[in-house]
Amino acid sequence: MDSRSELARAAAEAAARQSYGKLVAYLAARMRDVAGAEDALADAFAAALERWPKSGVPEKPEAWLLAVARRRDVDAVRRRLTGEAARDHLRLIAEEAEARMTNEDLPDERLRLMFACAHPAIESSVRAPLILQTVLGFDAATIASAFLVSPATMGQRLVRAKNRIREAGIPFRVPERAELGERLDAVLEAIYATFAEGWSDPAGTETRRRNLASEGIWLCRLVASLIPDEPETLGLLALMLFAEARRAARRSPEGDFVPLAEQDSALWDDTLIDEAEAVLRRAAAGRIIGRYQLEAAVQSAHTARRRGGGTDWAAIRQLYDALMAIAGSPVVAINRAVAIAETEGAAEGLAALDAIGADRRIAEYQPYWAARAELSARLGKTADAAEAYDRAIGLERDPALRRYLQTERAKLVRN
């Protein structure tokens, strides 16, 4: 690949990272067709990779991509429509396509798209995954992994959901407060999944994930600004701020994974933690306790040791008991089992893991096997621990965390 082609590809990748969601949201809000907007933008990126090496990267890549995508929409309308009404429609969208807007002039329609994807007409289980694909460009396999389903199943659900938006004429707008209901839950779930995907790449070295943690926090701040004093929105914001505050301590200077219990609390960001505590207090003032507030409270309990105290595992166990009553997910159950191990002993913690072992969703979930391995090792069940470590290592994508698991497994042999 020559230097002009490399420059063009780098510029296209940068535009995708920075503006994919904004461009899809802008197009979808006008086309009323999410799949059509994605296809138009995909064609625009393909055209960029073909033309930019010859003509050079345009001064405003996002505006160029938008104009090409809109022309593609014009062509689609021309194929569908005839007559005076079609000519009027074509003229209007052609004029908009030709407009040379700056990046700052491009309105951010992402929140409108997110709430369209969270409409009651969309199957509830696919609302958050749909948001992740349309707003952030995640592929079906990545989304499927986050939601513990197969890629084929997730792909089918996403296609059906996009067709539903078009066929039902779902509006692209932020709903009134009385309409929020479960739509807000799907938006918050997608925001948290966005953050978690970026959180899993702490060094920010993977192009696909870069800045996703910051993007999740930004989106949550936006929702909180539009819907002030909504307890669960504030709870999620606090949860992400607590987690982000520990980013610098999650890796050693050599890039090795550092477990939470071994992290140097002096490396935690006190400003973010203080903000998280304040936001969590605001959420609690609403007197409506939800999942994200409880998860944020768990993180608050973990950060208490920065003041010189120990970790209050009894309080954490109680919080996970409450979480199980509200949202009995496998993830919560695994964390609860770890808290039980810290308060009642490894045998009781392992028994709690055994209780959820029949759930097929955890068969490919690395944290479950890592927790089994650690607790089995504590109990001297070397063979069981080795088998669980092997499962965890095989499922882990993060090289640093994989090395950590391999090191822990190696200790079994020495002991």
Protein backbone atom coordinates (compact mmCIF):
# COMPACT_ATOMS: atom_id res chain seq x y z
CA MET A 1 0.00 0.00 0.00
CA ASP A 2 1.50 3.39 -1.02
CA SER A 3 1.62 6.43 1.24
CA ARG A 4 -1.43 8.11 -0.34
CA SER A 5 -3.53 4.99 0.21
CA GLU A 6 -2.28 4.67 3.79
CA LEU A 7 -3.14 8.33 4.44
CA ALA A 8 -6.61 7.87 2.95
CA ARG A 9 -7.30 4.75 5.01
CA ALA A 10 -6.07 6.45 8.20
CA ALA A 11 -8.34 9.45 7.52
CA ALA A 12 -11.33 7.18 6.88
CA GLU A 13 -10.67 5.23 10.08
CA ALA A 14 -10.37 8.46 12.06
CA ALA A 15 -13.68 9.69 10.65
CA ALA A 16 -15.31 6.37 11.54
CA ARG A 17 -14.01 6.53 15.12
CA GLN A 18 -14.97 10.12 15.68
CA SER A 19 -18.18 10.56 13.72
CA TYR A 20 -19.78 7.24 12.75
CA GLY A 21 -22.63 7.53 15.23
CA LYS A 22 -23.28 11.19 14.45
CA LEU A 23 -23.39 10.51 10.71
CA VAL A 24 -25.68 7.48 11.00
CA ALA A 25 -27.98 9.34 13.41
CA TYR A 26 -28.15 12.38 11.12
CA LEU A 27 -28.94 10.26 8.07
CA ALA A 28 -31.38 7.93 9.83
CA ALA A 29 -33.34 10.81 11.34
CA ARG A 30 -33.99 12.15 7.83
CA MET A 31 -34.37 8.87 5.97
CA ARG A 32 -36.43 7.20 8.72
CA ASP A 33 -34.49 4.09 7.83
CA VAL A 34 -31.62 2.93 10.04
CA ALA A 35 -30.47 0.12 7.75
CA GLY A 36 -30.64 2.47 4.75
CA ALA A 37 -28.54 5.06 6.61
CA GLU A 38 -25.93 2.44 7.50
CA ASP A 39 -25.80 1.20 3.90
CA ALA A 40 -25.49 4.73 2.54
CA LEU A 41 -22.66 5.52 4.94
CA ALA A 42 -20.91 2.22 4.15
CA ASP A 43 -21.03 3.15 0.46
CA ALA A 44 -19.61 6.56 1.32
CA PHE A 45 -16.68 5.01 3.20
CA ALA A 46 -16.05 2.63 0.28
CA ALA A 47 -16.05 5.61 -2.09
CA ALA A 48 -13.61 7.43 0.18
CA LEU A 49 -11.16 4.53 0.11
CA GLU A 50 -11.39 4.52 -3.68
CA ARG A 51 -11.23 8.26 -4.36
CA TRP A 52 -9.14 9.79 -1.58
CA PRO A 53 -5.87 8.11 -2.62
CA LYS A 54 -6.29 9.79 -6.03
CA SER A 55 -7.86 13.14 -5.13
CA GLY A 56 -6.42 13.58 -1.64
CA VAL A 57 -8.18 13.62 1.73
CA PRO A 58 -10.79 16.43 1.77
CA GLU A 59 -10.47 19.28 4.24
CA LYS A 60 -13.63 18.14 6.03
CA PRO A 61 -13.84 14.34 5.71
CA GLU A 62 -17.10 14.01 7.66
CA ALA A 63 -18.86 16.58 5.44
CA TRP A 64 -17.60 14.75 2.34
CA LEU A 65 -18.88 11.41 3.66
CA LEU A 66 -22.24 12.93 4.53
CA ALA A 67 -22.65 14.47 1.08
CA VAL A 68 -21.83 11.18 -0.67
CA ALA A 69 -24.17 9.24 1.60
CA ARG A 70 -26.98 11.72 0.93
CA ARG A 71 -26.44 11.43 -2.82
CA ARG A 72 -26.77 7.69 -2.43
CA ASP A 73 -30.10 8.35 -0.68
CA VAL A 74 -31.14 10.57 -3.58
CA ASP A 75 -30.45 7.72 -5.99
CA ALA A 76 -32.51 5.34 -3.86
CA VAL A 77 -35.45 7.74 -3.79
CA ARG A 78 -35.17 8.25 -7.54
CA ARG A 79 -35.50 4.51 -8.04
CA ARG A 80 -38.57 4.35 -5.79
CA LEU A 81 -40.51 7.45 -6.73
CA THR A 82 -41.80 9.24 -9.80
CA GLY A 83 -43.83 12.36 -10.42
CA GLU A 84 -43.92 15.89 -9.04
CA ALA A 85 -43.75 14.88 -5.38
CA ALA A 86 -40.63 12.86 -6.05
CA ARG A 87 -38.95 15.75 -7.87
CA ASP A 88 -39.68 18.08 -4.93
CA HIS A 89 -38.32 15.57 -2.46
CA LEU A 90 -35.23 14.96 -4.55
CA ARG A 91 -34.57 18.67 -4.89
CA LEU A 92 -34.74 19.23 -1.13
CA ILE A 93 -32.42 16.39 -0.16
CA ALA A 94 -30.04 17.17 -3.01
CA GLU A 95 -29.70 20.74 -1.76
CA GLU A 96 -28.92 19.44 1.70
CA ALA A 97 -26.45 16.92 0.31
CA GLU A 98 -24.55 19.68 -1.45
CA ALA A 99 -24.28 21.82 1.69
CA ARG A 100 -20.70 22.01 2.93
CA MET A 101 -21.25 21.99 6.66
CA THR A 102 -18.38 22.05 9.14
CA ASN A 103 -18.03 19.32 11.73
CA GLU A 104 -19.39 21.74 14.33
CA ASP A 105 -22.45 22.46 12.16
CA LEU A 106 -23.41 18.78 12.02
CA PRO A 107 -26.13 18.45 14.67
CA ASP A 108 -25.68 15.60 17.12
CA GLU A 109 -28.77 13.43 16.64
CA ARG A 110 -27.41 10.43 18.52
CA LEU A 111 -29.73 10.74 21.50
CA ARG A 112 -32.75 10.90 19.17
CA LEU A 113 -31.54 7.75 17.42
CA MET A 114 -30.96 6.01 20.73
CA PHE A 115 -34.52 6.65 21.87
CA ALA A 116 -35.88 5.55 18.49
CA CYS A 117 -34.03 2.26 18.94
CA ALA A 118 -35.54 1.99 22.44
CA HIS A 119 -39.14 2.44 21.20
CA PRO A 120 -41.75 0.02 22.65
CA ALA A 121 -42.37 -1.33 19.13
CA ILE A 122 -38.85 -2.82 19.22
CA GLU A 123 -38.41 -6.12 21.04
CA SER A 124 -37.07 -5.26 24.50
CA SER A 125 -34.11 -7.69 24.37
CA VAL A 126 -32.67 -6.06 21.25
CA ARG A 127 -33.07 -2.37 22.09
CA ALA A 128 -29.69 -1.89 23.76
CA PRO A 129 -27.83 -4.04 21.19
CA LEU A 130 -29.48 -2.04 18.40
CA ILE A 131 -28.25 1.19 19.94
CA LEU A 132 -24.72 -0.18 20.13
CA GLN A 133 -24.70 -1.12 16.45
CA THR A 134 -26.34 2.01 15.06
CA VAL A 135 -24.73 4.64 17.26
CA LEU A 136 -21.28 3.09 17.71
CA GLY A 137 -20.92 0.73 14.77
CA PHE A 138 -20.30 -2.41 16.83
CA ASP A 139 -20.52 -5.63 14.84
CA ALA A 140 -23.00 -8.36 15.76
CA ALA A 141 -20.30 -10.66 17.15
CA THR A 142 -19.03 -8.04 19.61
CA ILE A 143 -22.55 -7.20 20.73
CA ALA A 144 -23.46 -10.89 21.05
CA SER A 145 -20.49 -11.44 23.36
CA ALA A 146 -21.57 -8.57 25.61
CA PHE A 147 -25.14 -9.89 25.86
CA LEU A 148 -24.27 -13.60 26.12
CA VAL A 149 -26.02 -14.80 22.95
CA SER A 150 -24.75 -16.27 19.68
CA PRO A 151 -23.64 -13.90 16.87
CA ALA A 152 -26.14 -15.47 14.43
CA THR A 153 -29.05 -14.93 16.81
CA MET A 154 -27.99 -11.35 17.51
CA GLY A 155 -27.57 -10.59 13.81
CA GLN A 156 -31.09 -11.79 13.04
CA ARG A 157 -32.56 -9.75 15.88
CA LEU A 158 -30.80 -6.59 14.72
CA VAL A 159 -32.03 -6.95 11.13
CA ARG A 160 -35.62 -7.43 12.32
CA ALA A 161 -35.40 -4.42 14.62
CA LYS A 162 -34.14 -2.11 11.87
CA ASN A 163 -36.93 -3.26 9.57
CA ARG A 164 -39.40 -2.55 12.36
CA ILE A 165 -38.22 1.05 12.73
CA ARG A 166 -38.79 1.66 9.03
CA GLU A 167 -42.09 -0.21 8.74
CA ALA A 168 -43.65 1.27 11.89
CA GLY A 169 -42.49 4.80 11.12
CA ILE A 170 -40.94 5.14 14.59
CA PRO A 171 -40.18 8.83 15.28
CA PHE A 172 -36.65 10.02 15.94
CA ARG A 173 -37.05 12.21 19.01
CA VAL A 174 -36.33 12.33 22.72
CA PRO A 175 -39.64 11.37 24.37
CA GLU A 176 -41.46 13.43 26.95
CA ARG A 177 -40.80 12.43 30.55
CA ALA A 178 -44.13 10.60 30.81
CA GLU A 179 -43.11 8.41 27.85
CA LEU A 180 -39.66 7.47 29.12
CA GLY A 181 -40.43 4.32 31.08
CA GLU A 182 -38.48 1.31 29.88
CA ARG A 183 -37.04 3.27 26.94
CA LEU A 184 -34.66 4.98 29.31
CA ASP A 185 -33.60 1.58 30.67
CA ALA A 186 -32.51 0.46 27.19
CA VAL A 187 -30.61 3.70 26.56
CA LEU A 188 -28.78 3.41 29.88
CA GLU A 189 -27.98 -0.26 29.24
CA ALA A 190 -26.43 0.65 25.89
CA ILE A 191 -24.44 3.49 27.42
CA TYR A 192 -23.08 1.15 30.08
CA ALA A 193 -22.17 -1.48 27.45
CA THR A 194 -20.36 1.27 25.52
CA PHE A 195 -18.36 2.19 28.60
CA ALA A 196 -17.63 -1.45 29.42
CA GLU A 197 -16.26 -2.10 25.93
CA GLY A 198 -13.84 0.81 26.31
CA TRP A 199 -13.07 -0.19 29.89
CA SER A 200 -11.91 -3.60 28.65
CA ASP A 201 -9.11 -1.86 26.73
CA PRO A 202 -7.50 0.16 29.55
CA ALA A 203 -4.48 1.25 27.54
CA GLY A 204 -6.64 2.56 24.70
CA THR A 205 -4.58 0.69 22.14
CA GLU A 206 -7.38 -0.88 20.08
CA THR A 207 -8.74 1.41 17.38
CA ARG A 208 -12.25 -0.02 17.62
CA ARG A 209 -12.51 0.63 21.34
CA ARG A 210 -10.51 3.82 21.71
CA ASN A 211 -12.33 6.52 23.68
CA LEU A 212 -15.45 4.38 24.15
CA ALA A 213 -15.24 4.73 27.94
CA SER A 214 -15.13 8.52 27.60
CA GLU A 215 -17.92 8.33 25.01
CA GLY A 216 -20.11 6.39 27.44
CA ILE A 217 -19.56 8.94 30.19
CA TRP A 218 -20.28 11.80 27.75
CA LEU A 219 -23.53 10.21 26.58
CA CYS A 220 -24.64 9.64 30.17
CA ARG A 221 -23.88 13.24 31.06
CA LEU A 222 -25.99 14.28 28.06
CA VAL A 223 -28.94 12.16 29.19
CA ALA A 224 -28.56 13.50 32.73
CA SER A 225 -28.58 17.07 31.44
CA LEU A 226 -31.79 16.45 29.49
CA ILE A 227 -33.49 14.52 32.27
CA PRO A 228 -32.10 16.02 35.49
CA ASP A 229 -32.53 14.20 38.79
CA GLU A 230 -33.48 10.88 37.20
CA PRO A 231 -32.00 8.54 39.87
CA GLU A 232 -30.86 5.68 37.64
CA THR A 233 -29.21 7.99 35.10
CA LEU A 234 -27.26 9.56 37.95
CA GLY A 235 -26.52 6.12 39.38
CA LEU A 236 -25.02 4.99 36.09
CA LEU A 237 -22.96 8.16 35.78
CA ALA A 238 -21.60 7.63 39.29
CA LEU A 239 -20.83 3.96 38.53
CA MET A 240 -18.81 4.84 35.42
CA LEU A 241 -16.96 7.67 37.18
CA PHE A 242 -15.92 5.34 40.02
CA ALA A 243 -14.60 2.81 37.51
CA GLU A 244 -12.85 5.39 35.35
CA ALA A 245 -11.15 6.83 38.43
CA ARG A 246 -9.18 3.57 38.81
CA ARG A 247 -7.95 3.37 35.22
CA ALA A 248 -4.35 4.42 35.95
CA ALA A 249 -4.01 1.71 38.60
CA ARG A 250 -5.31 -1.20 36.47
CA ARG A 251 -1.97 -1.81 34.77
CA SER A 252 1.59 -1.86 36.09
CA PRO A 253 4.25 0.31 34.38
CA GLU A 254 5.12 -2.82 32.38
CA GLY A 255 1.51 -3.19 31.22
CA ASP A 256 0.58 -6.11 33.48
CA PHE A 257 -2.94 -6.51 34.88
CA VAL A 258 -3.35 -5.46 38.52
CA PRO A 259 -6.38 -6.87 40.40
CA LEU A 260 -8.52 -4.39 42.32
CA ALA A 261 -7.38 -5.69 45.72
CA GLU A 262 -3.73 -5.09 44.77
CA GLN A 263 -4.13 -1.68 43.14
CA ASP A 264 -2.27 1.31 44.56
CA SER A 265 -5.10 3.58 45.69
CA ALA A 266 -2.74 6.56 45.44
CA LEU A 267 -3.07 6.19 41.66
CA TRP A 268 -6.85 6.53 41.77
CA ASP A 269 -8.29 9.84 40.56
CA ASP A 270 -9.65 11.58 43.66
CA THR A 271 -11.45 14.24 41.60
CA LEU A 272 -13.48 11.63 39.70
CA ILE A 273 -14.20 9.69 42.90
CA ASP A 274 -15.41 12.83 44.68
CA GLU A 275 -17.65 13.66 41.73
CA ALA A 276 -18.98 10.10 41.71
CA GLU A 277 -19.81 10.29 45.42
CA ALA A 278 -21.64 13.59 44.91
CA VAL A 279 -23.61 12.25 41.94
CA LEU A 280 -24.52 9.10 43.90
CA ARG A 281 -25.83 11.24 46.77
CA ARG A 282 -27.99 13.15 44.27
CA ALA A 283 -29.34 9.86 42.97
CA ALA A 284 -30.14 8.64 46.48
CA ALA A 285 -32.12 11.82 47.14
CA GLY A 286 -34.66 10.56 44.60
CA ARG A 287 -35.55 7.73 47.03
CA ILE A 288 -35.96 5.25 44.15
CA ILE A 289 -33.28 2.59 44.37
CA GLY A 290 -32.25 0.83 41.17
CA ARG A 291 -29.59 -1.37 39.68
CA TYR A 292 -27.06 1.28 38.74
CA GLN A 293 -27.24 3.02 42.10
CA LEU A 294 -26.55 -0.27 43.87
CA GLU A 295 -23.64 -1.07 41.54
CA ALA A 296 -22.25 2.42 42.13
CA ALA A 297 -22.58 1.87 45.87
CA VAL A 298 -20.48 -1.30 45.51
CA GLN A 299 -17.79 0.73 43.76
CA SER A 300 -18.01 3.36 46.48
CA ALA A 301 -17.39 0.67 49.10
CA HIS A 302 -14.31 -0.51 47.20
CA THR A 303 -12.88 3.02 46.98
CA ALA A 304 -13.27 3.57 50.73
CA ARG A 305 -9.82 2.11 51.33
CA ARG A 306 -8.21 5.16 49.71
CA ARG A 307 -8.91 6.86 53.07
CA GLY A 308 -6.88 4.25 54.90
CA GLY A 309 -9.69 1.81 55.70
CA GLY A 310 -10.23 -1.73 54.52
CA THR A 311 -12.82 -3.03 52.09
CA ASP A 312 -16.22 -3.49 53.73
CA TRP A 313 -17.07 -6.88 52.26
CA ALA A 314 -20.12 -7.31 54.49
CA ALA A 315 -21.66 -4.16 53.00
CA ILE A 316 -20.72 -5.29 49.49
CA ARG A 317 -22.39 -8.66 50.13
CA GLN A 318 -25.58 -6.89 51.22
CA LEU A 319 -25.54 -4.71 48.13
CA TYR A 320 -25.19 -7.74 45.87
CA ASP A 321 -28.06 -9.43 47.70
CA ALA A 322 -30.19 -6.38 46.84
CA LEU A 323 -28.94 -6.44 43.25
CA MET A 324 -29.92 -10.09 42.90
CA ALA A 325 -33.45 -9.17 43.95
CA ILE A 326 -33.63 -6.36 41.37
CA ALA A 327 -31.59 -7.76 38.48
CA GLY A 328 -30.66 -11.39 38.98
CA SER A 329 -28.21 -11.60 36.08
CA PRO A 330 -25.33 -14.09 35.89
CA VAL A 331 -22.86 -11.20 36.21
CA VAL A 332 -24.43 -10.09 39.50
CA ALA A 333 -24.54 -13.69 40.73
CA ILE A 334 -20.82 -14.17 40.06
CA ASN A 335 -19.88 -10.97 41.88
CA ARG A 336 -22.15 -11.94 44.77
CA ALA A 337 -20.39 -15.30 45.00
CA VAL A 338 -17.03 -13.52 45.27
CA ALA A 339 -18.42 -11.32 48.06
CA ILE A 340 -19.73 -14.43 49.85
CA ALA A 341 -16.26 -15.97 49.61
CA GLU A 342 -14.77 -12.88 51.26
CA THR A 343 -17.31 -12.85 54.11
CA GLU A 344 -18.11 -16.54 54.68
CA GLY A 345 -15.26 -18.44 53.10
CA ALA A 346 -14.19 -19.89 49.76
CA ALA A 347 -16.35 -23.00 50.13
CA GLU A 348 -19.52 -20.94 50.49
CA GLY A 349 -18.48 -18.75 47.56
CA LEU A 350 -17.87 -21.80 45.37
CA ALA A 351 -21.25 -23.20 46.36
CA ALA A 352 -22.83 -19.95 45.18
CA LEU A 353 -21.10 -20.37 41.83
CA ASP A 354 -22.29 -23.98 41.65
CA ALA A 355 -25.84 -22.72 42.08
CA ILE A 356 -25.66 -20.85 38.76
CA GLY A 357 -23.54 -23.40 36.91
CA ALA A 358 -26.49 -24.68 34.90
CA ASP A 359 -27.09 -21.28 33.28
CA ARG A 360 -25.94 -21.79 29.68
CA ARG A 361 -25.11 -18.08 29.31
CA ILE A 362 -22.03 -18.42 31.51
CA ALA A 363 -20.45 -21.30 29.60
CA GLU A 364 -18.48 -18.79 27.50
CA TYR A 365 -18.19 -16.06 30.16
CA GLN A 366 -14.61 -15.65 31.33
CA PRO A 367 -15.25 -14.04 34.77
CA TYR A 368 -17.24 -17.09 35.88
CA TRP A 369 -14.36 -19.45 35.17
CA ALA A 370 -11.78 -17.07 36.65
CA ALA A 371 -13.81 -16.88 39.87
CA ARG A 372 -14.20 -20.69 39.97
CA ALA A 373 -10.47 -21.09 39.43
CA GLU A 374 -9.49 -18.73 42.24
CA LEU A 375 -11.90 -20.20 44.79
CA SER A 376 -10.99 -23.77 43.86
CA ALA A 377 -7.33 -22.90 44.29
CA ARG A 378 -8.01 -21.45 47.75
CA LEU A 379 -9.64 -24.73 48.73
CA GLY A 380 -6.73 -26.80 47.42
CA LYS A 381 -8.76 -28.27 44.55
CA THR A 382 -5.84 -28.05 42.16
CA ALA A 383 -7.26 -30.08 39.30
CA ASP A 384 -10.56 -28.17 39.33
CA ALA A 385 -8.69 -24.87 39.54
CA ALA A 386 -6.44 -25.78 36.61
CA GLU A 387 -9.40 -26.76 34.46
CA ALA A 388 -11.24 -23.53 35.29
CA TYR A 389 -8.13 -21.42 34.60
CA ASP A 390 -7.76 -23.12 31.22
CA ARG A 391 -11.36 -22.21 30.36
CA ALA A 392 -10.86 -18.61 31.50
CA ILE A 393 -7.58 -18.23 29.58
CA GLY A 394 -9.15 -19.56 26.41
CA LEU A 395 -12.01 -17.08 26.64
CA GLU A 396 -10.00 -13.96 27.50
CA ARG A 397 -9.25 -11.42 24.74
CA ASP A 398 -7.13 -8.98 26.75
CA PRO A 399 -3.46 -10.09 26.50
CA ALA A 400 -2.56 -8.57 29.89
CA LEU A 401 -5.41 -10.30 31.68
CA ARG A 402 -4.62 -13.54 29.87
CA ARG A 403 -1.02 -13.33 31.11
CA TYR A 404 -2.27 -12.74 34.65
CA LEU A 405 -4.51 -15.82 34.48
CA GLN A 406 -1.64 -17.88 33.07
CA THR A 407 0.60 -16.74 35.94
CA GLU A 408 -2.05 -17.69 38.50
CA ARG A 409 -2.45 -21.10 36.88
CA ALA A 410 1.30 -21.65 36.96
CA LYS A 411 1.26 -21.15 40.75
CA LEU A 412 -0.90 -24.26 41.06
CA VAL A 413 1.99 -26.38 39.79
CA ARG A 414 4.48 -24.81 42.18
CA ASN A 415 2.14 -25.28 45.12
